[in-house]
Amino acid sequence: MTALTLYSRPGCHLCDEMKAIVERVARAMPGRLHVEQVDVSRDPELERRYGLEIPVLLMDGKKVAKYRVSEDDLRRMLRAPRTETA
């Protein structure tokens, strides 16, 4: 199962757009994705780390997109082979 983490904050239109794309892709791939949404405004460290870049999308802990991602690009990233790290 692939883990997607979306760092965002309320009132951010780019965050809402990316959230909708991630949700559409996740619905099309039932049981293959675990999606977590994190509000950076609730954590000072996350706000410091991601606040100027939101939305930020991580796949299995690695940053794969910020600001915008298209549905096609996200699907392509999910299909791409990933190397295992030790």
PDB file of N, CA and C in Angstrom:
ATOM      1  N   MET A   1       0.850  -1.179   0.000  1.00  0.00           N
ATOM      2  CA  MET A   1       0.000   0.000   0.000  1.00  0.00           C
ATOM      3  C   MET A   1       0.896   1.242   0.000  1.00  0.00           C
ATOM      4  N   THR A   2       0.541   2.193  -0.808  1.00  0.00           N
ATOM      5  CA  THR A   2       1.296   3.439  -0.908  1.00  0.00           C
ATOM      6  C   THR A   2       0.696   4.471   0.040  1.00  0.00           C
ATOM      7  N   ALA A   3       1.555   5.142   0.788  1.00  0.00           N
ATOM      8  CA  ALA A   3       1.117   6.177   1.721  1.00  0.00           C
ATOM      9  C   ALA A   3       1.292   7.553   1.082  1.00  0.00           C
ATOM     10  N   LEU A   4       0.209   8.317   1.035  1.00  0.00           N
ATOM     11  CA  LEU A   4       0.248   9.699   0.581  1.00  0.00           C
ATOM     12  C   LEU A   4      -0.045  10.592   1.777  1.00  0.00           C
ATOM     13  N   THR A   5       0.799  11.601   1.978  1.00  0.00           N
ATOM     14  CA  THR A   5       0.592  12.574   3.049  1.00  0.00           C
ATOM     15  C   THR A   5       0.483  13.941   2.409  1.00  0.00           C
ATOM     16  N   LEU A   6      -0.623  14.626   2.686  1.00  0.00           N
ATOM     17  CA  LEU A   6      -0.863  15.962   2.144  1.00  0.00           C
ATOM     18  C   LEU A   6      -0.774  16.976   3.276  1.00  0.00           C
ATOM     19  N   TYR A   7       0.231  17.844   3.208  1.00  0.00           N
ATOM     20  CA  TYR A   7       0.376  18.930   4.172  1.00  0.00           C
ATOM     21  C   TYR A   7      -0.328  20.149   3.595  1.00  0.00           C
ATOM     22  N   SER A   8      -1.244  20.705   4.392  1.00  0.00           N
ATOM     23  CA  SER A   8      -2.053  21.837   3.921  1.00  0.00           C
ATOM     24  C   SER A   8      -2.516  22.650   5.117  1.00  0.00           C
ATOM     25  N   ARG A   9      -3.368  23.626   4.829  1.00  0.00           N
ATOM     26  CA  ARG A   9      -3.996  24.398   5.914  1.00  0.00           C
ATOM     27  C   ARG A   9      -5.374  24.847   5.436  1.00  0.00           C
ATOM     28  N   PRO A  10      -6.275  25.122   6.363  1.00  0.00           N
ATOM     29  CA  PRO A  10      -7.607  25.603   5.997  1.00  0.00           C
ATOM     30  C   PRO A  10      -7.527  26.953   5.279  1.00  0.00           C
ATOM     31  N   GLY A  11      -8.435  27.168   4.346  1.00  0.00           N
ATOM     32  CA  GLY A  11      -8.517  28.446   3.656  1.00  0.00           C
ATOM     33  C   GLY A  11      -7.530  28.596   2.520  1.00  0.00           C
ATOM     34  N   CYS A  12      -6.859  27.535   2.133  1.00  0.00           N
ATOM     35  CA  CYS A  12      -5.860  27.564   1.065  1.00  0.00           C
ATOM     36  C   CYS A  12      -6.476  26.939  -0.183  1.00  0.00           C
ATOM     37  N   HIS A  13      -6.705  27.754  -1.219  1.00  0.00           N
ATOM     38  CA  HIS A  13      -7.378  27.220  -2.409  1.00  0.00           C
ATOM     39  C   HIS A  13      -6.520  26.193  -3.143  1.00  0.00           C
ATOM     40  N   LEU A  14      -5.202  26.366  -3.157  1.00  0.00           N
ATOM     41  CA  LEU A  14      -4.344  25.354  -3.788  1.00  0.00           C
ATOM     42  C   LEU A  14      -4.416  24.034  -3.017  1.00  0.00           C
ATOM     43  N   CYS A  15      -4.517  24.135  -1.700  1.00  0.00           N
ATOM     44  CA  CYS A  15      -4.654  22.935  -0.871  1.00  0.00           C
ATOM     45  C   CYS A  15      -5.955  22.208  -1.194  1.00  0.00           C
ATOM     46  N   ASP A  16      -7.032  22.969  -1.335  1.00  0.00           N
ATOM     47  CA  ASP A  16      -8.321  22.365  -1.666  1.00  0.00           C
ATOM     48  C   ASP A  16      -8.272  21.670  -3.016  1.00  0.00           C
ATOM     49  N   GLU A  17      -7.589  22.277  -3.990  1.00  0.00           N
ATOM     50  CA  GLU A  17      -7.466  21.674  -5.319  1.00  0.00           C
ATOM     51  C   GLU A  17      -6.682  20.362  -5.246  1.00  0.00           C
ATOM     52  N   MET A  18      -5.536  20.382  -4.552  1.00  0.00           N
ATOM     53  CA  MET A  18      -4.733  19.166  -4.466  1.00  0.00           C
ATOM     54  C   MET A  18      -5.474  18.084  -3.681  1.00  0.00           C
ATOM     55  N   LYS A  19      -6.169  18.475  -2.629  1.00  0.00           N
ATOM     56  CA  LYS A  19      -6.939  17.513  -1.833  1.00  0.00           C
ATOM     57  C   LYS A  19      -7.973  16.822  -2.710  1.00  0.00           C
ATOM     58  N   ALA A  20      -8.661  17.566  -3.557  1.00  0.00           N
ATOM     59  CA  ALA A  20      -9.683  16.986  -4.434  1.00  0.00           C
ATOM     60  C   ALA A  20      -9.054  16.001  -5.417  1.00  0.00           C
ATOM     61  N   ILE A  21      -7.896  16.336  -5.950  1.00  0.00           N
ATOM     62  CA  ILE A  21      -7.210  15.444  -6.890  1.00  0.00           C
ATOM     63  C   ILE A  21      -6.781  14.158  -6.189  1.00  0.00           C
ATOM     64  N   VAL A  22      -6.173  14.298  -5.015  1.00  0.00           N
ATOM     65  CA  VAL A  22      -5.732  13.128  -4.261  1.00  0.00           C
ATOM     66  C   VAL A  22      -6.930  12.243  -3.922  1.00  0.00           C
ATOM     67  N   GLU A  23      -8.031  12.837  -3.508  1.00  0.00           N
ATOM     68  CA  GLU A  23      -9.219  12.055  -3.158  1.00  0.00           C
ATOM     69  C   GLU A  23      -9.781  11.321  -4.373  1.00  0.00           C
ATOM     70  N   ARG A  24      -9.815  11.970  -5.553  1.00  0.00           N
ATOM     71  CA  ARG A  24     -10.314  11.315  -6.776  1.00  0.00           C
ATOM     72  C   ARG A  24      -9.441  10.117  -7.139  1.00  0.00           C
ATOM     73  N   VAL A  25      -8.130  10.310  -7.085  1.00  0.00           N
ATOM     74  CA  VAL A  25      -7.212   9.220  -7.418  1.00  0.00           C
ATOM     75  C   VAL A  25      -7.359   8.086  -6.401  1.00  0.00           C
ATOM     76  N   ALA A  26      -7.469   8.403  -5.130  1.00  0.00           N
ATOM     77  CA  ALA A  26      -7.619   7.381  -4.089  1.00  0.00           C
ATOM     78  C   ALA A  26      -8.911   6.587  -4.275  1.00  0.00           C
ATOM     79  N   ARG A  27     -10.001   7.263  -4.640  1.00  0.00           N
ATOM     80  CA  ARG A  27     -11.270   6.553  -4.879  1.00  0.00           C
ATOM     81  C   ARG A  27     -11.156   5.601  -6.061  1.00  0.00           C
ATOM     82  N   ALA A  28     -10.345   5.961  -7.046  1.00  0.00           N
ATOM     83  CA  ALA A  28     -10.165   5.124  -8.235  1.00  0.00           C
ATOM     84  C   ALA A  28      -9.236   3.938  -7.969  1.00  0.00           C
ATOM     85  N   MET A  29      -8.552   3.943  -6.829  1.00  0.00           N
ATOM     86  CA  MET A  29      -7.589   2.886  -6.499  1.00  0.00           C
ATOM     87  C   MET A  29      -7.900   2.320  -5.112  1.00  0.00           C
ATOM     88  N   PRO A  30      -9.099   1.810  -4.896  1.00  0.00           N
ATOM     89  CA  PRO A  30      -9.482   1.373  -3.549  1.00  0.00           C
ATOM     90  C   PRO A  30      -8.529   0.307  -2.998  1.00  0.00           C
ATOM     91  N   GLY A  31      -8.141   0.515  -1.745  1.00  0.00           N
ATOM     92  CA  GLY A  31      -7.281  -0.434  -1.063  1.00  0.00           C
ATOM     93  C   GLY A  31      -5.806  -0.333  -1.411  1.00  0.00           C
ATOM     94  N   ARG A  32      -5.434   0.557  -2.323  1.00  0.00           N
ATOM     95  CA  ARG A  32      -4.031   0.663  -2.736  1.00  0.00           C
ATOM     96  C   ARG A  32      -3.328   1.877  -2.145  1.00  0.00           C
ATOM     97  N   LEU A  33      -4.106   2.833  -1.609  1.00  0.00           N
ATOM     98  CA  LEU A  33      -3.520   4.058  -1.075  1.00  0.00           C
ATOM     99  C   LEU A  33      -3.991   4.295   0.351  1.00  0.00           C
ATOM    100  N   HIS A  34      -3.077   4.772   1.165  1.00  0.00           N
ATOM    101  CA  HIS A  34      -3.426   5.281   2.490  1.00  0.00           C
ATOM    102  C   HIS A  34      -3.166   6.788   2.435  1.00  0.00           C
ATOM    103  N   VAL A  35      -4.212   7.585   2.610  1.00  0.00           N
ATOM    104  CA  VAL A  35      -4.088   9.038   2.499  1.00  0.00           C
ATOM    105  C   VAL A  35      -4.230   9.660   3.885  1.00  0.00           C
ATOM    106  N   GLU A  36      -3.252  10.486   4.228  1.00  0.00           N
ATOM    107  CA  GLU A  36      -3.292  11.243   5.481  1.00  0.00           C
ATOM    108  C   GLU A  36      -3.216  12.724   5.137  1.00  0.00           C
ATOM    109  N   GLN A  37      -4.101  13.507   5.734  1.00  0.00           N
ATOM    110  CA  GLN A  37      -4.076  14.955   5.544  1.00  0.00           C
ATOM    111  C   GLN A  37      -3.645  15.596   6.856  1.00  0.00           C
ATOM    112  N   VAL A  38      -2.656  16.487   6.761  1.00  0.00           N
ATOM    113  CA  VAL A  38      -2.089  17.114   7.953  1.00  0.00           C
ATOM    114  C   VAL A  38      -2.218  18.624   7.830  1.00  0.00           C
ATOM    115  N   ASP A  39      -2.831  19.241   8.832  1.00  0.00           N
ATOM    116  CA  ASP A  39      -2.992  20.691   8.892  1.00  0.00           C
ATOM    117  C   ASP A  39      -1.745  21.286   9.542  1.00  0.00           C
ATOM    118  N   VAL A  40      -0.911  21.948   8.737  1.00  0.00           N
ATOM    119  CA  VAL A  40       0.349  22.486   9.264  1.00  0.00           C
ATOM    120  C   VAL A  40       0.128  23.613  10.271  1.00  0.00           C
ATOM    121  N   SER A  41      -1.027  24.253  10.221  1.00  0.00           N
ATOM    122  CA  SER A  41      -1.277  25.360  11.145  1.00  0.00           C
ATOM    123  C   SER A  41      -1.441  24.891  12.593  1.00  0.00           C
ATOM    124  N   ARG A  42      -1.570  23.604  12.815  1.00  0.00           N
ATOM    125  CA  ARG A  42      -1.721  23.063  14.166  1.00  0.00           C
ATOM    126  C   ARG A  42      -0.405  22.668  14.816  1.00  0.00           C
ATOM    127  N   ASP A  43       0.695  22.781  14.044  1.00  0.00           N
ATOM    128  CA  ASP A  43       1.996  22.348  14.557  1.00  0.00           C
ATOM    129  C   ASP A  43       3.061  23.347  14.130  1.00  0.00           C
ATOM    130  N   PRO A  44       3.664  24.069  15.083  1.00  0.00           N
ATOM    131  CA  PRO A  44       4.655  25.093  14.732  1.00  0.00           C
ATOM    132  C   PRO A  44       5.828  24.558  13.898  1.00  0.00           C
ATOM    133  N   GLU A  45       6.277  23.344  14.183  1.00  0.00           N
ATOM    134  CA  GLU A  45       7.395  22.769  13.423  1.00  0.00           C
ATOM    135  C   GLU A  45       6.986  22.499  11.973  1.00  0.00           C
ATOM    136  N   LEU A  46       5.804  21.937  11.770  1.00  0.00           N
ATOM    137  CA  LEU A  46       5.327  21.693  10.403  1.00  0.00           C
ATOM    138  C   LEU A  46       5.063  23.003   9.678  1.00  0.00           C
ATOM    139  N   GLU A  47       4.555  23.980  10.387  1.00  0.00           N
ATOM    140  CA  GLU A  47       4.322  25.310   9.794  1.00  0.00           C
ATOM    141  C   GLU A  47       5.653  25.901   9.326  1.00  0.00           C
ATOM    142  N   ARG A  48       6.687  25.755  10.147  1.00  0.00           N
ATOM    143  CA  ARG A  48       8.006  26.262   9.772  1.00  0.00           C
ATOM    144  C   ARG A  48       8.554  25.510   8.557  1.00  0.00           C
ATOM    145  N   ARG A  49       8.398  24.194   8.570  1.00  0.00           N
ATOM    146  CA  ARG A  49       8.977  23.365   7.515  1.00  0.00           C
ATOM    147  C   ARG A  49       8.236  23.496   6.181  1.00  0.00           C
ATOM    148  N   TYR A  50       6.896  23.520   6.219  1.00  0.00           N
ATOM    149  CA  TYR A  50       6.108  23.460   4.989  1.00  0.00           C
ATOM    150  C   TYR A  50       5.259  24.692   4.712  1.00  0.00           C
ATOM    151  N   GLY A  51       5.181  25.604   5.656  1.00  0.00           N
ATOM    152  CA  GLY A  51       4.241  26.714   5.556  1.00  0.00           C
ATOM    153  C   GLY A  51       4.296  27.530   4.289  1.00  0.00           C
ATOM    154  N   LEU A  52       5.491  27.762   3.731  1.00  0.00           N
ATOM    155  CA  LEU A  52       5.619  28.572   2.519  1.00  0.00           C
ATOM    156  C   LEU A  52       5.452  27.758   1.248  1.00  0.00           C
ATOM    157  N   GLU A  53       5.385  26.442   1.358  1.00  0.00           N
ATOM    158  CA  GLU A  53       5.314  25.578   0.190  1.00  0.00           C
ATOM    159  C   GLU A  53       3.964  24.908   0.004  1.00  0.00           C
ATOM    160  N   ILE A  54       3.064  25.041   0.928  1.00  0.00           N
ATOM    161  CA  ILE A  54       1.835  24.256   0.874  1.00  0.00           C
ATOM    162  C   ILE A  54       1.016  24.569  -0.367  1.00  0.00           C
ATOM    163  N   PRO A  55       0.268  23.584  -0.815  1.00  0.00           N
ATOM    164  CA  PRO A  55       0.248  22.212  -0.325  1.00  0.00           C
ATOM    165  C   PRO A  55       1.499  21.446  -0.742  1.00  0.00           C
ATOM    166  N   VAL A  56       1.863  20.492   0.096  1.00  0.00           N
ATOM    167  CA  VAL A  56       2.992  19.611  -0.182  1.00  0.00           C
ATOM    168  C   VAL A  56       2.471  18.181  -0.111  1.00  0.00           C
ATOM    169  N   LEU A  57       2.832  17.386  -1.110  1.00  0.00           N
ATOM    170  CA  LEU A  57       2.401  15.988  -1.159  1.00  0.00           C
ATOM    171  C   LEU A  57       3.620  15.085  -1.041  1.00  0.00           C
ATOM    172  N   LEU A  58       3.565  14.158  -0.071  1.00  0.00           N
ATOM    173  CA  LEU A  58       4.614  13.160   0.103  1.00  0.00           C
ATOM    174  C   LEU A  58       4.061  11.802  -0.293  1.00  0.00           C
ATOM    175  N   MET A  59       4.899  11.012  -0.941  1.00  0.00           N
ATOM    176  CA  MET A  59       4.555   9.632  -1.272  1.00  0.00           C
ATOM    177  C   MET A  59       5.555   8.746  -0.559  1.00  0.00           C
ATOM    178  N   ASP A  60       5.055   7.926   0.333  1.00  0.00           N
ATOM    179  CA  ASP A  60       5.917   7.061   1.138  1.00  0.00           C
ATOM    180  C   ASP A  60       7.049   7.860   1.788  1.00  0.00           C
ATOM    181  N   GLY A  61       6.704   9.061   2.274  1.00  0.00           N
ATOM    182  CA  GLY A  61       7.649   9.885   3.016  1.00  0.00           C
ATOM    183  C   GLY A  61       8.553  10.772   2.178  1.00  0.00           C
ATOM    184  N   LYS A  62       8.433  10.717   0.856  1.00  0.00           N
ATOM    185  CA  LYS A  62       9.277  11.532  -0.020  1.00  0.00           C
ATOM    186  C   LYS A  62       8.431  12.585  -0.720  1.00  0.00           C
ATOM    187  N   LYS A  63       8.926  13.827  -0.721  1.00  0.00           N
ATOM    188  CA  LYS A  63       8.194  14.917  -1.356  1.00  0.00           C
ATOM    189  C   LYS A  63       8.116  14.680  -2.863  1.00  0.00           C
ATOM    190  N   VAL A  64       6.883  14.677  -3.393  1.00  0.00           N
ATOM    191  CA  VAL A  64       6.695  14.457  -4.827  1.00  0.00           C
ATOM    192  C   VAL A  64       6.034  15.638  -5.516  1.00  0.00           C
ATOM    193  N   ALA A  65       5.423  16.552  -4.734  1.00  0.00           N
ATOM    194  CA  ALA A  65       4.774  17.710  -5.349  1.00  0.00           C
ATOM    195  C   ALA A  65       4.574  18.799  -4.313  1.00  0.00           C
ATOM    196  N   LYS A  66       4.587  20.039  -4.817  1.00  0.00           N
ATOM    197  CA  LYS A  66       4.189  21.171  -3.989  1.00  0.00           C
ATOM    198  C   LYS A  66       3.420  22.130  -4.880  1.00  0.00           C
ATOM    199  N   TYR A  67       2.544  22.898  -4.287  1.00  0.00           N
ATOM    200  CA  TYR A  67       1.664  23.861  -4.944  1.00  0.00           C
ATOM    201  C   TYR A  67       0.588  23.185  -5.801  1.00  0.00           C
ATOM    202  N   ARG A  68       0.991  22.433  -6.823  1.00  0.00           N
ATOM    203  CA  ARG A  68       0.003  21.820  -7.721  1.00  0.00           C
ATOM    204  C   ARG A  68       0.490  20.456  -8.190  1.00  0.00           C
ATOM    205  N   VAL A  69      -0.474  19.573  -8.445  1.00  0.00           N
ATOM    206  CA  VAL A  69      -0.205  18.307  -9.113  1.00  0.00           C
ATOM    207  C   VAL A  69      -1.444  17.987  -9.940  1.00  0.00           C
ATOM    208  N   SER A  70      -1.236  17.513 -11.148  1.00  0.00           N
ATOM    209  CA  SER A  70      -2.383  17.115 -11.967  1.00  0.00           C
ATOM    210  C   SER A  70      -2.748  15.672 -11.635  1.00  0.00           C
ATOM    211  N   GLU A  71      -3.967  15.329 -11.945  1.00  0.00           N
ATOM    212  CA  GLU A  71      -4.415  13.961 -11.709  1.00  0.00           C
ATOM    213  C   GLU A  71      -3.563  12.981 -12.528  1.00  0.00           C
ATOM    214  N   ASP A  72      -3.273  13.345 -13.775  1.00  0.00           N
ATOM    215  CA  ASP A  72      -2.442  12.481 -14.627  1.00  0.00           C
ATOM    216  C   ASP A  72      -1.046  12.307 -14.048  1.00  0.00           C
ATOM    217  N   ASP A  73      -0.446  13.406 -13.561  1.00  0.00           N
ATOM    218  CA  ASP A  73       0.894  13.314 -12.981  1.00  0.00           C
ATOM    219  C   ASP A  73       0.904  12.442 -11.733  1.00  0.00           C
ATOM    220  N   LEU A  74      -0.114  12.574 -10.892  1.00  0.00           N
ATOM    221  CA  LEU A  74      -0.180  11.763  -9.679  1.00  0.00           C
ATOM    222  C   LEU A  74      -0.333  10.287 -10.039  1.00  0.00           C
ATOM    223  N   ARG A  75      -1.177   9.978 -10.993  1.00  0.00           N
ATOM    224  CA  ARG A  75      -1.340   8.585 -11.427  1.00  0.00           C
ATOM    225  C   ARG A  75      -0.015   8.032 -11.981  1.00  0.00           C
ATOM    226  N   ARG A  76       0.680   8.844 -12.748  1.00  0.00           N
ATOM    227  CA  ARG A  76       1.970   8.431 -13.316  1.00  0.00           C
ATOM    228  C   ARG A  76       2.976   8.150 -12.192  1.00  0.00           C
ATOM    229  N   MET A  77       3.022   9.021 -11.188  1.00  0.00           N
ATOM    230  CA  MET A  77       3.939   8.817 -10.061  1.00  0.00           C
ATOM    231  C   MET A  77       3.613   7.522  -9.319  1.00  0.00           C
ATOM    232  N   LEU A  78       2.330   7.244  -9.181  1.00  0.00           N
ATOM    233  CA  LEU A  78       1.921   6.040  -8.461  1.00  0.00           C
ATOM    234  C   LEU A  78       2.243   4.770  -9.244  1.00  0.00           C
ATOM    235  N   ARG A  79       2.269   4.857 -10.551  1.00  0.00           N
ATOM    236  CA  ARG A  79       2.601   3.697 -11.386  1.00  0.00           C
ATOM    237  C   ARG A  79       4.105   3.479 -11.520  1.00  0.00           C
ATOM    238  N   ALA A  80       4.885   4.531 -11.309  1.00  0.00           N
ATOM    239  CA  ALA A  80       6.340   4.444 -11.497  1.00  0.00           C
ATOM    240  C   ALA A  80       6.942   3.487 -10.478  1.00  0.00           C
ATOM    241  N   PRO A  81       7.911   2.681 -10.923  1.00  0.00           N
ATOM    242  CA  PRO A  81       8.567   1.786  -9.962  1.00  0.00           C
ATOM    243  C   PRO A  81       9.322   2.589  -8.913  1.00  0.00           C
ATOM    244  N   ARG A  82       9.248   2.131  -7.678  1.00  0.00           N
ATOM    245  CA  ARG A  82       9.956   2.782  -6.583  1.00  0.00           C
ATOM    246  C   ARG A  82      10.993   1.825  -6.046  1.00  0.00           C
ATOM    247  N   THR A  83      12.142   2.351  -5.750  1.00  0.00           N
ATOM    248  CA  THR A  83      13.193   1.518  -5.196  1.00  0.00           C
ATOM    249  C   THR A  83      13.024   1.425  -3.693  1.00  0.00           C
ATOM    250  N   GLU A  84      13.308   0.288  -3.166  1.00  0.00           N
ATOM    251  CA  GLU A  84      13.243   0.075  -1.718  1.00  0.00           C
ATOM    252  C   GLU A  84      14.515   0.619  -1.090  1.00  0.00           C
ATOM    253  N   THR A  85      14.373   1.243   0.057  1.00  0.00           N
ATOM    254  CA  THR A  85      15.537   1.738   0.788  1.00  0.00           C
ATOM    255  C   THR A  85      15.742   0.871   2.026  1.00  0.00           C
ATOM    256  N   ALA A  86      16.987   0.641   2.347  1.00  0.00           N
ATOM    257  CA  ALA A  86      17.298  -0.218   3.495  1.00  0.00           C
ATOM    258  C   ALA A  86      17.273   0.571   4.774  1.00  0.00           C
TER     259      ALA A  86
END
